C-alpha atoms as a PDB file:
ATOM      1  CA  UNK A   1     -57.114 -41.598  37.683  1.00  0.00           C
ATOM      2  CA  UNK A   2     -55.781 -39.404  34.905  1.00  0.00           C
ATOM      3  CA  UNK A   3     -53.699 -36.308  35.750  1.00  0.00           C
ATOM      4  CA  UNK A   4     -53.332 -33.455  33.267  1.00  0.00           C
ATOM      5  CA  UNK A   5     -50.781 -30.670  33.797  1.00  0.00           C
ATOM      6  CA  UNK A   6     -50.906 -27.574  31.600  1.00  0.00           C
ATOM      7  CA  UNK A   7     -48.867 -24.395  31.322  1.00  0.00           C
ATOM      8  CA  UNK A   8     -50.723 -21.410  29.865  1.00  0.00           C
ATOM      9  CA  UNK A   9     -49.204 -17.979  29.146  1.00  0.00           C
ATOM     10  CA  UNK A  10     -50.352 -15.549  31.833  1.00  0.00           C
ATOM     11  CA  UNK A  11     -48.289 -12.383  31.347  1.00  0.00           C
ATOM     12  CA  UNK A  12     -44.832 -11.274  32.492  1.00  0.00           C
ATOM     13  CA  UNK A  13     -43.071 -11.263  35.840  1.00  0.00           C
ATOM     14  CA  UNK A  14     -43.595  -7.473  35.953  1.00  0.00           C
ATOM     15  CA  UNK A  15     -47.367  -7.923  35.637  1.00  0.00           C
ATOM     16  CA  UNK A  16     -47.390 -10.161  38.697  1.00  0.00           C
ATOM     17  CA  UNK A  17     -45.381  -7.709  40.805  1.00  0.00           C
ATOM     18  CA  UNK A  18     -48.372  -5.379  40.677  1.00  0.00           C
ATOM     19  CA  UNK A  19     -51.400  -7.645  40.376  1.00  0.00           C
ATOM     20  CA  UNK A  20     -50.378 -10.505  42.676  1.00  0.00           C
ATOM     21  CA  UNK A  21     -47.874  -9.195  45.227  1.00  0.00           C
ATOM     22  CA  UNK A  22     -48.656 -12.098  47.601  1.00  0.00           C
ATOM     23  CA  UNK A  23     -46.895 -14.631  45.340  1.00  0.00           C
ATOM     24  CA  UNK A  24     -43.564 -15.918  46.631  1.00  0.00           C
ATOM     25  CA  UNK A  25     -40.515 -16.478  44.461  1.00  0.00           C
ATOM     26  CA  UNK A  26     -39.199 -20.044  44.376  1.00  0.00           C
ATOM     27  CA  UNK A  27     -35.936 -20.056  42.449  1.00  0.00           C
ATOM     28  CA  UNK A  28     -33.487 -22.177  44.418  1.00  0.00           C
ATOM     29  CA  UNK A  29     -32.833 -25.655  43.058  1.00  0.00           C
ATOM     30  CA  UNK A  30     -34.424 -27.527  45.985  1.00  0.00           C
ATOM     31  CA  UNK A  31     -37.701 -25.609  45.792  1.00  0.00           C
ATOM     32  CA  UNK A  32     -37.794 -25.888  41.997  1.00  0.00           C
ATOM     33  CA  UNK A  33     -37.273 -29.661  42.097  1.00  0.00           C
ATOM     34  CA  UNK A  34     -39.949 -30.047  44.786  1.00  0.00           C
ATOM     35  CA  UNK A  35     -42.485 -28.100  42.707  1.00  0.00           C
ATOM     36  CA  UNK A  36     -41.658 -30.124  39.592  1.00  0.00           C
ATOM     37  CA  UNK A  37     -42.145 -33.335  41.591  1.00  0.00           C
ATOM     38  CA  UNK A  38     -45.443 -31.964  42.941  1.00  0.00           C
ATOM     39  CA  UNK A  39     -46.631 -31.809  39.342  1.00  0.00           C
ATOM     40  CA  UNK A  40     -45.253 -35.283  38.586  1.00  0.00           C
ATOM     41  CA  UNK A  41     -42.258 -34.065  36.553  1.00  0.00           C
ATOM     42  CA  UNK A  42     -44.575 -33.643  33.571  1.00  0.00           C
ATOM     43  CA  UNK A  43     -43.235 -32.081  30.362  1.00  0.00           C
ATOM     44  CA  UNK A  44     -45.376 -28.986  30.997  1.00  0.00           C
ATOM     45  CA  UNK A  45     -43.188 -27.996  33.988  1.00  0.00           C
ATOM     46  CA  UNK A  46     -39.766 -29.312  32.979  1.00  0.00           C
ATOM     47  CA  UNK A  47     -38.890 -26.139  31.038  1.00  0.00           C
ATOM     48  CA  UNK A  48     -39.170 -23.883  34.104  1.00  0.00           C
ATOM     49  CA  UNK A  49     -36.278 -22.935  36.390  1.00  0.00           C
ATOM     50  CA  UNK A  50     -38.230 -20.585  38.654  1.00  0.00           C
ATOM     51  CA  UNK A  51     -41.737 -20.316  40.032  1.00  0.00           C
ATOM     52  CA  UNK A  52     -44.072 -17.774  41.620  1.00  0.00           C
ATOM     53  CA  UNK A  53     -46.260 -19.588  44.133  1.00  0.00           C
ATOM     54  CA  UNK A  54     -49.022 -19.040  46.662  1.00  0.00           C
ATOM     55  CA  UNK A  55     -49.208 -21.585  49.467  1.00  0.00           C
ATOM     56  CA  UNK A  56     -52.230 -21.955  51.752  1.00  0.00           C
ATOM     57  CA  UNK A  57     -52.526 -24.698  54.370  1.00  0.00           C
ATOM     58  CA  UNK A  58     -49.467 -26.455  52.952  1.00  0.00           C
ATOM     59  CA  UNK A  59     -50.914 -26.705  49.420  1.00  0.00           C
ATOM     60  CA  UNK A  60     -50.072 -24.778  46.290  1.00  0.00           C
ATOM     61  CA  UNK A  61     -53.120 -22.716  45.406  1.00  0.00           C
ATOM     62  CA  UNK A  62     -51.452 -20.834  42.546  1.00  0.00           C
ATOM     63  CA  UNK A  63     -48.301 -21.733  40.633  1.00  0.00           C
ATOM     64  CA  UNK A  64     -46.685 -19.799  37.792  1.00  0.00           C
ATOM     65  CA  UNK A  65     -43.462 -20.818  36.053  1.00  0.00           C
ATOM     66  CA  UNK A  66     -40.789 -18.925  34.156  1.00  0.00           C
ATOM     67  CA  UNK A  67     -37.611 -19.924  32.346  1.00  0.00           C
ATOM     68  CA  UNK A  68     -34.259 -19.119  33.932  1.00  0.00           C
ATOM     69  CA  UNK A  69     -33.707 -18.628  37.631  1.00  0.00           C
ATOM     70  CA  UNK A  70     -33.707 -14.821  37.677  1.00  0.00           C
ATOM     71  CA  UNK A  71     -37.138 -13.203  37.677  1.00  0.00           C
ATOM     72  CA  UNK A  72     -36.533 -10.313  35.280  1.00  0.00           C
ATOM     73  CA  UNK A  73     -39.704  -8.239  34.868  1.00  0.00           C
ATOM     74  CA  UNK A  74     -39.873  -8.829  31.095  1.00  0.00           C
ATOM     75  CA  UNK A  75     -39.864 -12.640  31.332  1.00  0.00           C
ATOM     76  CA  UNK A  76     -43.019 -14.485  30.267  1.00  0.00           C
ATOM     77  CA  UNK A  77     -44.895 -16.297  33.029  1.00  0.00           C
ATOM     78  CA  UNK A  78     -47.068 -19.401  32.577  1.00  0.00           C
ATOM     79  CA  UNK A  79     -49.890 -20.471  34.859  1.00  0.00           C
ATOM     80  CA  UNK A  80     -49.535 -24.139  35.756  1.00  0.00           C
ATOM     81  CA  UNK A  81     -52.699 -26.097  36.426  1.00  0.00           C
ATOM     82  CA  UNK A  82     -53.272 -29.696  37.395  1.00  0.00           C
ATOM     83  CA  UNK A  83     -56.580 -31.442  36.835  1.00  0.00           C
ATOM     84  CA  UNK A  84     -57.714 -34.907  37.790  1.00  0.00           C
ATOM     85  CA  UNK A  85     -60.238 -36.945  35.850  1.00  0.00           C
ATOM     86  CA  UNK A  86     -61.510 -40.470  35.936  1.00  0.00           C
ATOM     87  CA  UNK A  87     -59.936 -42.788  33.423  1.00  0.00           C
ATOM     88  CA  UNK A  88     -62.413 -44.204  30.982  1.00  0.00           C
ATOM     89  CA  UNK A  89     -62.659 -47.946  31.417  1.00  0.00           C
ATOM     90  CA  UNK A  90     -61.475 -49.837  28.393  1.00  0.00           C
ATOM     91  CA  UNK A  91     -64.184 -51.507  26.429  1.00  0.00           C
ATOM     92  CA  UNK A  92     -64.298 -55.242  26.945  1.00  0.00           C
ATOM     93  CA  UNK A  93     -65.625 -55.790  23.461  1.00  0.00           C
ATOM     94  CA  UNK A  94     -62.991 -57.348  21.300  1.00  0.00           C
ATOM     95  CA  UNK A  95     -62.600 -55.675  17.982  1.00  0.00           C
ATOM     96  CA  UNK A  96     -63.280 -58.075  15.171  1.00  0.00           C
ATOM     97  CA  UNK A  97     -60.205 -58.673  13.130  1.00  0.00           C
ATOM     98  CA  UNK A  98     -60.467 -59.484   9.499  1.00  0.00           C
ATOM     99  CA  UNK A  99     -58.883 -62.842   9.039  1.00  0.00           C
ATOM    100  CA  UNK A 100     -57.188 -63.844   5.860  1.00  0.00           C
ATOM    101  CA  UNK A 101     -57.679 -67.322   4.603  1.00  0.00           C
ATOM    102  CA  UNK A 102     -54.561 -69.383   4.009  1.00  0.00           C
ATOM    103  CA  UNK A 103     -55.431 -69.570   0.323  1.00  0.00           C
ATOM    104  CA  UNK A 104     -55.291 -65.839  -0.249  1.00  0.00           C
ATOM    105  CA  UNK A 105     -52.252 -64.704   1.708  1.00  0.00           C
ATOM    106  CA  UNK A 106     -50.586 -61.894  -0.250  1.00  0.00           C
ATOM    107  CA  UNK A 107     -52.711 -62.699  -3.248  1.00  0.00           C
ATOM    108  CA  UNK A 108     -51.041 -66.055  -3.824  1.00  0.00           C
ATOM    109  CA  UNK A 109     -53.354 -68.961  -4.436  1.00  0.00           C
ATOM    110  CA  UNK A 110     -52.348 -72.359  -3.233  1.00  0.00           C
END
């Protein structure tokens, strides 16, 4: 199974104060590390030191990250998404390799 984690710009912290007041601030180091581990410590989440999250039934339904651990209203916020997809099976066909004859290695004739 292939897991893809993406962070997409979604506005500023101030925008979320008004449009999504139900989001909770997660800015202490333990919560931040747990959220990063939830996303598999992927590069897309490593830059964030704080998160705005919505939790329903013990699962993150919405996660937004921001840099720094103080949620100033002007800070950019990034929506973090995780998608799962089936890995494509590798083809069992062997690629044909062009073989060089011993008489023409590096253009030298024997």
